[in-house]
Amino acid sequence: MAVPKRKKSRSNTRSRRSQWKTSAPQLVECSNRACRKLKPPHVVCPECGQYDNRQVVEPA
């Protein structure tokens, strides 16, 4: 099993981890003209229940 020869310093470890950032969620407008709420892409709109201009589920 591979074992590191030397201990990694805290500054090296933290500077490497500083690049691990989360991005803001991407949102698009609902395609329903009456709704136009923001929703994640490729997901049924939680407000009107439509997906790709078709009624898929009853609105909540």
C-alpha atoms as a PDB file:
ATOM      1  CA  MET A   1       0.000   0.000   0.000  1.00  0.00           C
ATOM      2  CA  ALA A   2       1.329   3.440  -0.914  1.00  0.00           C
ATOM      3  CA  VAL A   3       2.244   5.665   2.006  1.00  0.00           C
ATOM      4  CA  PRO A   4       3.340   9.314   1.663  1.00  0.00           C
ATOM      5  CA  LYS A   5       7.002   9.873   2.466  1.00  0.00           C
ATOM      6  CA  ARG A   6       6.436  13.270   4.075  1.00  0.00           C
ATOM      7  CA  LYS A   7       3.520  14.939   5.854  1.00  0.00           C
ATOM      8  CA  LYS A   8       1.682  17.540   3.768  1.00  0.00           C
ATOM      9  CA  SER A   9       1.706  20.935   5.441  1.00  0.00           C
ATOM     10  CA  ARG A  10      -1.552  22.637   6.435  1.00  0.00           C
ATOM     11  CA  SER A  11      -0.977  25.480   3.996  1.00  0.00           C
ATOM     12  CA  ASN A  12      -0.518  23.086   1.080  1.00  0.00           C
ATOM     13  CA  THR A  13      -3.613  21.121   2.034  1.00  0.00           C
ATOM     14  CA  ARG A  14      -5.746  24.225   2.514  1.00  0.00           C
ATOM     15  CA  SER A  15      -4.560  25.905  -0.663  1.00  0.00           C
ATOM     16  CA  ARG A  16      -5.422  22.759  -2.606  1.00  0.00           C
ATOM     17  CA  ARG A  17      -8.881  22.592  -1.021  1.00  0.00           C
ATOM     18  CA  SER A  18      -9.557  26.280  -1.650  1.00  0.00           C
ATOM     19  CA  GLN A  19     -10.454  25.399  -5.255  1.00  0.00           C
ATOM     20  CA  TRP A  20     -13.362  23.186  -4.141  1.00  0.00           C
ATOM     21  CA  LYS A  21     -16.166  25.678  -4.557  1.00  0.00           C
ATOM     22  CA  THR A  22     -19.831  25.093  -5.162  1.00  0.00           C
ATOM     23  CA  SER A  23     -21.539  26.898  -7.995  1.00  0.00           C
ATOM     24  CA  ALA A  24     -24.895  28.610  -7.838  1.00  0.00           C
ATOM     25  CA  PRO A  25     -27.762  26.428  -9.102  1.00  0.00           C
ATOM     26  CA  GLN A  26     -28.674  27.097 -12.714  1.00  0.00           C
ATOM     27  CA  LEU A  27     -32.263  28.284 -13.143  1.00  0.00           C
ATOM     28  CA  VAL A  28     -34.372  28.818 -16.255  1.00  0.00           C
ATOM     29  CA  GLU A  29     -37.798  30.356 -16.794  1.00  0.00           C
ATOM     30  CA  CYS A  30     -40.818  28.060 -17.022  1.00  0.00           C
ATOM     31  CA  SER A  31     -41.965  27.725 -20.631  1.00  0.00           C
ATOM     32  CA  ASN A  32     -45.609  28.260 -19.618  1.00  0.00           C
ATOM     33  CA  ARG A  33     -46.507  31.823 -20.638  1.00  0.00           C
ATOM     34  CA  ALA A  34     -48.772  32.346 -17.641  1.00  0.00           C
ATOM     35  CA  CYS A  35     -46.210  31.077 -15.109  1.00  0.00           C
ATOM     36  CA  ARG A  36     -42.666  32.218 -16.064  1.00  0.00           C
ATOM     37  CA  LYS A  37     -41.296  31.207 -12.618  1.00  0.00           C
ATOM     38  CA  LEU A  38     -37.653  30.168 -12.226  1.00  0.00           C
ATOM     39  CA  LYS A  39     -37.013  26.419 -12.015  1.00  0.00           C
ATOM     40  CA  PRO A  40     -34.094  24.008 -12.555  1.00  0.00           C
ATOM     41  CA  PRO A  41     -33.691  22.878 -16.182  1.00  0.00           C
ATOM     42  CA  HIS A  42     -35.195  19.506 -17.240  1.00  0.00           C
ATOM     43  CA  VAL A  43     -37.536  19.491 -14.205  1.00  0.00           C
ATOM     44  CA  VAL A  44     -41.317  19.830 -13.937  1.00  0.00           C
ATOM     45  CA  CYS A  45     -42.296  23.335 -12.828  1.00  0.00           C
ATOM     46  CA  PRO A  46     -43.391  23.171  -9.174  1.00  0.00           C
ATOM     47  CA  GLU A  47     -45.744  26.154  -9.618  1.00  0.00           C
ATOM     48  CA  CYS A  48     -47.827  25.129 -12.638  1.00  0.00           C
ATOM     49  CA  GLY A  49     -46.930  21.415 -13.041  1.00  0.00           C
ATOM     50  CA  GLN A  50     -45.981  21.682 -16.723  1.00  0.00           C
ATOM     51  CA  TYR A  51     -42.970  20.253 -18.556  1.00  0.00           C
ATOM     52  CA  ASP A  52     -42.226  20.948 -22.228  1.00  0.00           C
ATOM     53  CA  ASN A  53     -45.584  22.775 -22.587  1.00  0.00           C
ATOM     54  CA  ARG A  54     -47.527  19.702 -21.371  1.00  0.00           C
ATOM     55  CA  GLN A  55     -49.454  19.318 -18.128  1.00  0.00           C
ATOM     56  CA  VAL A  56     -47.597  16.529 -16.278  1.00  0.00           C
ATOM     57  CA  VAL A  57     -48.683  16.837 -12.651  1.00  0.00           C
ATOM     58  CA  GLU A  58     -51.280  18.809 -10.761  1.00  0.00           C
ATOM     59  CA  PRO A  59     -49.826  22.026  -9.316  1.00  0.00           C
ATOM     60  CA  ALA A  60     -49.073  21.972  -5.618  1.00  0.00           C
END
